[in-house]
Amino acid sequence: MKNFILAAAFQLLAIISTTALASSYSITELYNNGKYYGGLNYVKTEYDIRDAQQRLNKENSVDESVGAGMSGHIGFETLANKNWMVGVEVEAKKYEGRRLKTKTGTNLTVVSAHGVGGNLKADYYLNDEFYVGAKVGVEHITMKAEATDAGTINKFRSKDTVLTYGVQVGYHIRTDLTAKVEFRRGKFSDRQTDFDTDIESLMVGFEFKI
């Protein structure tokens, strides 16, 4: 599933780039067009959830895909040199659009999850329109969940501050509009149920100069 999603995302980026009326821009022109930007993304997320026993036995859990989510961000970027653009941004994210049921030992259902945080990014320009980049950030995630034990349903809310990291590729359709694909990863630790959750997100979207 993950390979299919990644292939579809890069195909979308290829279609956008080949159909756009692309002029030749320099990175200096892109920078001079505006230092502030905003963005919206479609988010596809997978959870890999392990309980304490699974971690002890080094067992693999089953990856759980969830429905469509959305994220938005605003940021500031500056030109480091002729090929590098660096920036800082704040972000809000909703991780899924439907309920998630895990296949771990405990019947745990994540009802909803959302996060807010900040990122640092560094983008390297391969040419005037195309770049690759890395991103690292901190995100405060809140999960609402239900755990079923012997027929009893316990509802709870848990929070954790997560270190996230990832990579991205982008293509400038115009000097003020960019199409991008990003992969992000982080680990959520739930102290109430002793579950650890690896969260992997694929994001496809657009950025625009403000």
C-alpha atoms as a PDB file:
ATOM      1  CA  MET A   1       0.000   0.000   0.000  1.00  0.00           C
ATOM      2  CA  LYS A   2       2.757   2.451   0.930  1.00  0.00           C
ATOM      3  CA  ASN A   3       4.610   1.860  -2.356  1.00  0.00           C
ATOM      4  CA  PHE A   4       1.372   2.399  -4.277  1.00  0.00           C
ATOM      5  CA  ILE A   5       0.693   5.678  -2.459  1.00  0.00           C
ATOM      6  CA  LEU A   6       4.242   6.910  -3.057  1.00  0.00           C
ATOM      7  CA  ALA A   7       4.072   5.983  -6.736  1.00  0.00           C
ATOM      8  CA  ALA A   8       0.727   7.751  -7.121  1.00  0.00           C
ATOM      9  CA  ALA A   9       2.041  10.850  -5.361  1.00  0.00           C
ATOM     10  CA  PHE A  10       5.117  11.118  -7.568  1.00  0.00           C
ATOM     11  CA  GLN A  11       2.983  10.486 -10.650  1.00  0.00           C
ATOM     12  CA  LEU A  12       0.750  13.374  -9.593  1.00  0.00           C
ATOM     13  CA  LEU A  13       3.787  15.589  -9.184  1.00  0.00           C
ATOM     14  CA  ALA A  14       5.042  14.547 -12.632  1.00  0.00           C
ATOM     15  CA  ILE A  15       1.683  15.362 -14.237  1.00  0.00           C
ATOM     16  CA  ILE A  16       1.611  18.780 -12.586  1.00  0.00           C
ATOM     17  CA  SER A  17       5.156  19.563 -13.656  1.00  0.00           C
ATOM     18  CA  THR A  18       4.714  18.477 -17.277  1.00  0.00           C
ATOM     19  CA  THR A  19       1.422  20.296 -17.777  1.00  0.00           C
ATOM     20  CA  ALA A  20       2.479  23.545 -16.099  1.00  0.00           C
ATOM     21  CA  LEU A  21       3.559  26.448 -18.309  1.00  0.00           C
ATOM     22  CA  ALA A  22       6.961  26.596 -16.686  1.00  0.00           C
ATOM     23  CA  SER A  23       9.184  29.581 -17.279  1.00  0.00           C
ATOM     24  CA  SER A  24      12.782  29.577 -16.123  1.00  0.00           C
ATOM     25  CA  TYR A  25      13.195  31.141 -12.700  1.00  0.00           C
ATOM     26  CA  SER A  26      16.303  31.717 -10.673  1.00  0.00           C
ATOM     27  CA  ILE A  27      16.332  30.947  -6.967  1.00  0.00           C
ATOM     28  CA  THR A  28      16.967  34.656  -6.363  1.00  0.00           C
ATOM     29  CA  GLU A  29      13.761  35.541  -8.222  1.00  0.00           C
ATOM     30  CA  LEU A  30      11.831  33.000  -6.143  1.00  0.00           C
ATOM     31  CA  TYR A  31      13.254  34.485  -2.968  1.00  0.00           C
ATOM     32  CA  ASN A  32      12.557  38.071  -4.049  1.00  0.00           C
ATOM     33  CA  ASN A  33       8.940  37.144  -4.829  1.00  0.00           C
ATOM     34  CA  GLY A  34       8.249  36.697  -1.109  1.00  0.00           C
ATOM     35  CA  LYS A  35       9.816  35.339   2.048  1.00  0.00           C
ATOM     36  CA  TYR A  36       6.530  34.260   3.688  1.00  0.00           C
ATOM     37  CA  TYR A  37       4.476  31.314   2.482  1.00  0.00           C
ATOM     38  CA  GLY A  38       1.496  29.134   3.364  1.00  0.00           C
ATOM     39  CA  GLY A  39       0.493  25.626   2.378  1.00  0.00           C
ATOM     40  CA  LEU A  40      -2.263  23.004   2.383  1.00  0.00           C
ATOM     41  CA  ASN A  41      -1.744  19.236   2.144  1.00  0.00           C
ATOM     42  CA  TYR A  42      -3.712  16.044   1.751  1.00  0.00           C
ATOM     43  CA  VAL A  43      -2.411  13.630   4.418  1.00  0.00           C
ATOM     44  CA  LYS A  44      -2.385   9.822   4.217  1.00  0.00           C
ATOM     45  CA  THR A  45      -1.244   8.192   7.467  1.00  0.00           C
ATOM     46  CA  GLU A  46      -0.221   4.752   8.669  1.00  0.00           C
ATOM     47  CA  TYR A  47       0.002   3.748  12.342  1.00  0.00           C
ATOM     48  CA  ASP A  48       2.238   0.927  13.569  1.00  0.00           C
ATOM     49  CA  ILE A  49       1.085   0.250  17.136  1.00  0.00           C
ATOM     50  CA  ARG A  50       2.893  -2.011  19.628  1.00  0.00           C
ATOM     51  CA  ASP A  51       2.044  -2.826  23.222  1.00  0.00           C
ATOM     52  CA  ALA A  52       4.620  -3.525  25.967  1.00  0.00           C
ATOM     53  CA  GLN A  53       4.705  -7.281  25.313  1.00  0.00           C
ATOM     54  CA  GLN A  54       5.253  -6.802  21.601  1.00  0.00           C
ATOM     55  CA  ARG A  55       8.118  -4.404  22.244  1.00  0.00           C
ATOM     56  CA  LEU A  56       9.681  -6.869  24.711  1.00  0.00           C
ATOM     57  CA  ASN A  57       9.448  -9.721  22.203  1.00  0.00           C
ATOM     58  CA  LYS A  58      10.491  -7.444  19.317  1.00  0.00           C
ATOM     59  CA  GLU A  59       7.339  -8.432  17.454  1.00  0.00           C
ATOM     60  CA  ASN A  60       6.132  -6.569  14.421  1.00  0.00           C
ATOM     61  CA  SER A  61       2.669  -5.081  14.551  1.00  0.00           C
ATOM     62  CA  VAL A  62       0.363  -4.715  11.573  1.00  0.00           C
ATOM     63  CA  ASP A  63       0.443  -1.319   9.870  1.00  0.00           C
ATOM     64  CA  GLU A  64      -2.973   0.324   9.952  1.00  0.00           C
ATOM     65  CA  SER A  65      -3.940   2.750   7.214  1.00  0.00           C
ATOM     66  CA  VAL A  66      -6.390   5.506   8.023  1.00  0.00           C
ATOM     67  CA  GLY A  67      -8.518   7.794   5.917  1.00  0.00           C
ATOM     68  CA  ALA A  68      -7.842  11.198   4.446  1.00  0.00           C
ATOM     69  CA  GLY A  69      -6.501  13.941   6.671  1.00  0.00           C
ATOM     70  CA  MET A  70      -5.480  17.541   6.120  1.00  0.00           C
ATOM     71  CA  SER A  71      -2.666  19.821   7.240  1.00  0.00           C
ATOM     72  CA  GLY A  72      -1.930  23.513   6.925  1.00  0.00           C
ATOM     73  CA  HIS A  73       1.180  25.552   7.610  1.00  0.00           C
ATOM     74  CA  ILE A  74       2.650  29.034   7.357  1.00  0.00           C
ATOM     75  CA  GLY A  75       6.334  29.839   7.324  1.00  0.00           C
ATOM     76  CA  PHE A  76       9.273  32.115   6.629  1.00  0.00           C
ATOM     77  CA  GLU A  77      12.228  31.206   4.388  1.00  0.00           C
ATOM     78  CA  THR A  78      15.489  32.865   3.486  1.00  0.00           C
ATOM     79  CA  LEU A  79      18.223  32.340   0.910  1.00  0.00           C
ATOM     80  CA  ALA A  80      21.313  30.733   2.480  1.00  0.00           C
ATOM     81  CA  ASN A  81      23.384  30.681  -0.724  1.00  0.00           C
ATOM     82  CA  LYS A  82      22.838  30.196  -4.455  1.00  0.00           C
ATOM     83  CA  ASN A  83      21.424  26.648  -4.034  1.00  0.00           C
ATOM     84  CA  TRP A  84      20.014  26.508  -0.490  1.00  0.00           C
ATOM     85  CA  MET A  85      16.796  27.911   0.959  1.00  0.00           C
ATOM     86  CA  VAL A  86      16.207  27.466   4.698  1.00  0.00           C
ATOM     87  CA  GLY A  87      13.084  28.225   6.688  1.00  0.00           C
ATOM     88  CA  VAL A  88      10.944  27.837   9.778  1.00  0.00           C
ATOM     89  CA  GLU A  89       7.201  27.094   9.877  1.00  0.00           C
ATOM     90  CA  VAL A  90       4.264  26.352  12.174  1.00  0.00           C
ATOM     91  CA  GLU A  91       1.806  23.605  11.296  1.00  0.00           C
ATOM     92  CA  ALA A  92      -1.569  22.131  12.284  1.00  0.00           C
ATOM     93  CA  LYS A  93      -2.577  18.627  11.220  1.00  0.00           C
ATOM     94  CA  LYS A  94      -5.590  16.313  11.416  1.00  0.00           C
ATOM     95  CA  TYR A  95      -4.364  12.759  11.051  1.00  0.00           C
ATOM     96  CA  GLU A  96      -7.352  10.779   9.895  1.00  0.00           C
ATOM     97  CA  GLY A  97     -10.930  10.953   8.726  1.00  0.00           C
ATOM     98  CA  ARG A  98     -12.285   7.628   9.984  1.00  0.00           C
ATOM     99  CA  ARG A  99     -11.937   5.229  12.893  1.00  0.00           C
ATOM    100  CA  LEU A 100      -8.885   3.031  13.241  1.00  0.00           C
ATOM    101  CA  LYS A 101      -8.935  -0.484  14.686  1.00  0.00           C
ATOM    102  CA  THR A 102      -5.626  -2.100  15.523  1.00  0.00           C
ATOM    103  CA  LYS A 103      -4.709  -5.775  15.369  1.00  0.00           C
ATOM    104  CA  THR A 104      -2.630  -5.785  18.547  1.00  0.00           C
ATOM    105  CA  GLY A 105      -3.362  -7.849  21.643  1.00  0.00           C
ATOM    106  CA  THR A 106      -5.641  -5.224  23.151  1.00  0.00           C
ATOM    107  CA  ASN A 107      -8.668  -4.029  21.209  1.00  0.00           C
ATOM    108  CA  LEU A 108      -7.697  -0.370  20.891  1.00  0.00           C
ATOM    109  CA  THR A 109      -9.519   2.055  18.613  1.00  0.00           C
ATOM    110  CA  VAL A 110      -8.092   5.487  17.844  1.00  0.00           C
ATOM    111  CA  VAL A 111     -11.134   7.700  17.360  1.00  0.00           C
ATOM    112  CA  SER A 112      -9.320  10.890  16.368  1.00  0.00           C
ATOM    113  CA  ALA A 113      -5.856  12.426  16.353  1.00  0.00           C
ATOM    114  CA  HIS A 114      -4.543  15.910  15.643  1.00  0.00           C
ATOM    115  CA  GLY A 115      -1.336  17.827  16.187  1.00  0.00           C
ATOM    116  CA  VAL A 116       0.241  21.281  16.223  1.00  0.00           C
ATOM    117  CA  GLY A 117       3.937  22.057  16.013  1.00  0.00           C
ATOM    118  CA  GLY A 118       6.865  23.742  14.339  1.00  0.00           C
ATOM    119  CA  ASN A 119       9.416  22.682  11.719  1.00  0.00           C
ATOM    120  CA  LEU A 120      12.839  23.664  10.426  1.00  0.00           C
ATOM    121  CA  LYS A 121      13.509  22.973   6.755  1.00  0.00           C
ATOM    122  CA  ALA A 122      16.411  23.108   4.297  1.00  0.00           C
ATOM    123  CA  ASP A 123      15.770  22.852   0.545  1.00  0.00           C
ATOM    124  CA  TYR A 124      18.462  22.231  -2.062  1.00  0.00           C
ATOM    125  CA  TYR A 125      17.704  23.424  -5.609  1.00  0.00           C
ATOM    126  CA  LEU A 126      18.746  20.954  -8.302  1.00  0.00           C
ATOM    127  CA  ASN A 127      17.764  23.502 -10.939  1.00  0.00           C
ATOM    128  CA  ASP A 128      15.632  26.647 -11.123  1.00  0.00           C
ATOM    129  CA  GLU A 129      12.293  24.881 -10.589  1.00  0.00           C
ATOM    130  CA  PHE A 130      12.963  21.574  -8.819  1.00  0.00           C
ATOM    131  CA  TYR A 131      14.227  21.049  -5.243  1.00  0.00           C
ATOM    132  CA  VAL A 132      14.702  18.329  -2.648  1.00  0.00           C
ATOM    133  CA  GLY A 133      14.735  19.014   1.071  1.00  0.00           C
ATOM    134  CA  ALA A 134      14.837  17.742   4.628  1.00  0.00           C
ATOM    135  CA  LYS A 135      12.613  18.737   7.513  1.00  0.00           C
ATOM    136  CA  VAL A 136      12.771  18.223  11.287  1.00  0.00           C
ATOM    137  CA  GLY A 137      10.261  19.428  13.848  1.00  0.00           C
ATOM    138  CA  VAL A 138       8.445  19.060  17.150  1.00  0.00           C
ATOM    139  CA  GLU A 139       4.723  18.246  17.231  1.00  0.00           C
ATOM    140  CA  HIS A 140       2.285  18.070  20.129  1.00  0.00           C
ATOM    141  CA  ILE A 141      -0.183  15.289  19.283  1.00  0.00           C
ATOM    142  CA  THR A 142      -3.507  14.555  20.989  1.00  0.00           C
ATOM    143  CA  MET A 143      -5.227  11.197  20.514  1.00  0.00           C
ATOM    144  CA  LYS A 144      -8.719  10.233  21.630  1.00  0.00           C
ATOM    145  CA  ALA A 145      -9.052   6.467  21.922  1.00  0.00           C
ATOM    146  CA  GLU A 146     -11.126   3.595  23.229  1.00  0.00           C
ATOM    147  CA  ALA A 147      -9.720   0.406  24.781  1.00  0.00           C
ATOM    148  CA  THR A 148     -11.904  -2.688  25.206  1.00  0.00           C
ATOM    149  CA  ASP A 149     -11.075  -5.095  28.033  1.00  0.00           C
ATOM    150  CA  ALA A 150     -13.388  -8.023  28.891  1.00  0.00           C
ATOM    151  CA  GLY A 151     -16.312  -6.289  27.254  1.00  0.00           C
ATOM    152  CA  THR A 152     -15.714  -2.996  29.081  1.00  0.00           C
ATOM    153  CA  ILE A 153     -15.030   0.075  26.944  1.00  0.00           C
ATOM    154  CA  ASN A 154     -12.710   2.660  28.473  1.00  0.00           C
ATOM    155  CA  LYS A 155     -12.444   6.034  26.770  1.00  0.00           C
ATOM    156  CA  PHE A 156      -9.403   8.201  27.303  1.00  0.00           C
ATOM    157  CA  ARG A 157      -7.392  11.026  25.832  1.00  0.00           C
ATOM    158  CA  SER A 158      -3.605  10.972  25.632  1.00  0.00           C
ATOM    159  CA  LYS A 159      -1.004  13.533  24.583  1.00  0.00           C
ATOM    160  CA  ASP A 160       2.649  13.423  23.675  1.00  0.00           C
ATOM    161  CA  THR A 161       5.257  15.782  22.231  1.00  0.00           C
ATOM    162  CA  VAL A 162       6.903  14.049  19.292  1.00  0.00           C
ATOM    163  CA  LEU A 163      10.107  14.624  17.341  1.00  0.00           C
ATOM    164  CA  THR A 164       9.273  14.398  13.621  1.00  0.00           C
ATOM    165  CA  TYR A 165      11.570  14.187  10.611  1.00  0.00           C
ATOM    166  CA  GLY A 166      11.151  13.708   6.903  1.00  0.00           C
ATOM    167  CA  VAL A 167      12.036  14.534   3.314  1.00  0.00           C
ATOM    168  CA  GLN A 168      10.250  16.453   0.578  1.00  0.00           C
ATOM    169  CA  VAL A 169      10.445  17.238  -3.135  1.00  0.00           C
ATOM    170  CA  GLY A 170       8.932  20.286  -4.771  1.00  0.00           C
ATOM    171  CA  TYR A 171       8.344  21.864  -8.166  1.00  0.00           C
ATOM    172  CA  HIS A 172       7.690  25.574  -8.762  1.00  0.00           C
ATOM    173  CA  ILE A 173       4.735  25.878 -11.137  1.00  0.00           C
ATOM    174  CA  ARG A 174       5.103  29.661 -10.867  1.00  0.00           C
ATOM    175  CA  THR A 175       7.289  31.854  -8.706  1.00  0.00           C
ATOM    176  CA  ASP A 176       4.405  32.105  -6.225  1.00  0.00           C
ATOM    177  CA  LEU A 177       3.000  28.539  -6.448  1.00  0.00           C
ATOM    178  CA  THR A 178       4.691  25.209  -5.641  1.00  0.00           C
ATOM    179  CA  ALA A 179       3.534  21.583  -5.859  1.00  0.00           C
ATOM    180  CA  LYS A 180       5.177  19.264  -3.341  1.00  0.00           C
ATOM    181  CA  VAL A 181       5.275  15.727  -1.930  1.00  0.00           C
ATOM    182  CA  GLU A 182       6.513  15.032   1.595  1.00  0.00           C
ATOM    183  CA  PHE A 183       7.107  11.982   3.785  1.00  0.00           C
ATOM    184  CA  ARG A 184       7.159  12.471   7.568  1.00  0.00           C
ATOM    185  CA  ARG A 185       7.729  10.131  10.528  1.00  0.00           C
ATOM    186  CA  GLY A 186       7.430  10.307  14.338  1.00  0.00           C
ATOM    187  CA  LYS A 187       6.843   8.125  17.423  1.00  0.00           C
ATOM    188  CA  PHE A 188       3.920   8.671  19.832  1.00  0.00           C
ATOM    189  CA  SER A 189       4.208   7.152  23.338  1.00  0.00           C
ATOM    190  CA  ASP A 190       0.953   6.617  25.249  1.00  0.00           C
ATOM    191  CA  ARG A 191       1.689   6.489  28.976  1.00  0.00           C
ATOM    192  CA  GLN A 192      -1.874   5.494  29.897  1.00  0.00           C
ATOM    193  CA  THR A 193      -2.041   2.276  27.858  1.00  0.00           C
ATOM    194  CA  ASP A 194       1.726   1.709  27.379  1.00  0.00           C
ATOM    195  CA  PHE A 195       1.315   1.643  23.601  1.00  0.00           C
ATOM    196  CA  ASP A 196       3.965   3.052  21.275  1.00  0.00           C
ATOM    197  CA  THR A 197       2.790   4.250  17.887  1.00  0.00           C
ATOM    198  CA  ASP A 198       5.011   4.880  14.873  1.00  0.00           C
ATOM    199  CA  ILE A 199       3.226   7.470  12.750  1.00  0.00           C
ATOM    200  CA  GLU A 200       4.151   7.732   9.068  1.00  0.00           C
ATOM    201  CA  SER A 201       2.489  10.354   6.906  1.00  0.00           C
ATOM    202  CA  LEU A 202       2.569  11.001   3.189  1.00  0.00           C
ATOM    203  CA  MET A 203       1.530  14.533   2.266  1.00  0.00           C
ATOM    204  CA  VAL A 204       0.718  15.896  -1.198  1.00  0.00           C
ATOM    205  CA  GLY A 205      -0.145  19.551  -1.596  1.00  0.00           C
ATOM    206  CA  PHE A 206       0.665  23.099  -2.621  1.00  0.00           C
ATOM    207  CA  GLU A 207       2.509  26.074  -1.169  1.00  0.00           C
ATOM    208  CA  PHE A 208       1.915  29.681  -2.103  1.00  0.00           C
ATOM    209  CA  LYS A 209       3.638  32.961  -1.337  1.00  0.00           C
ATOM    210  CA  ILE A 210       1.827  35.243   1.086  1.00  0.00           C
END
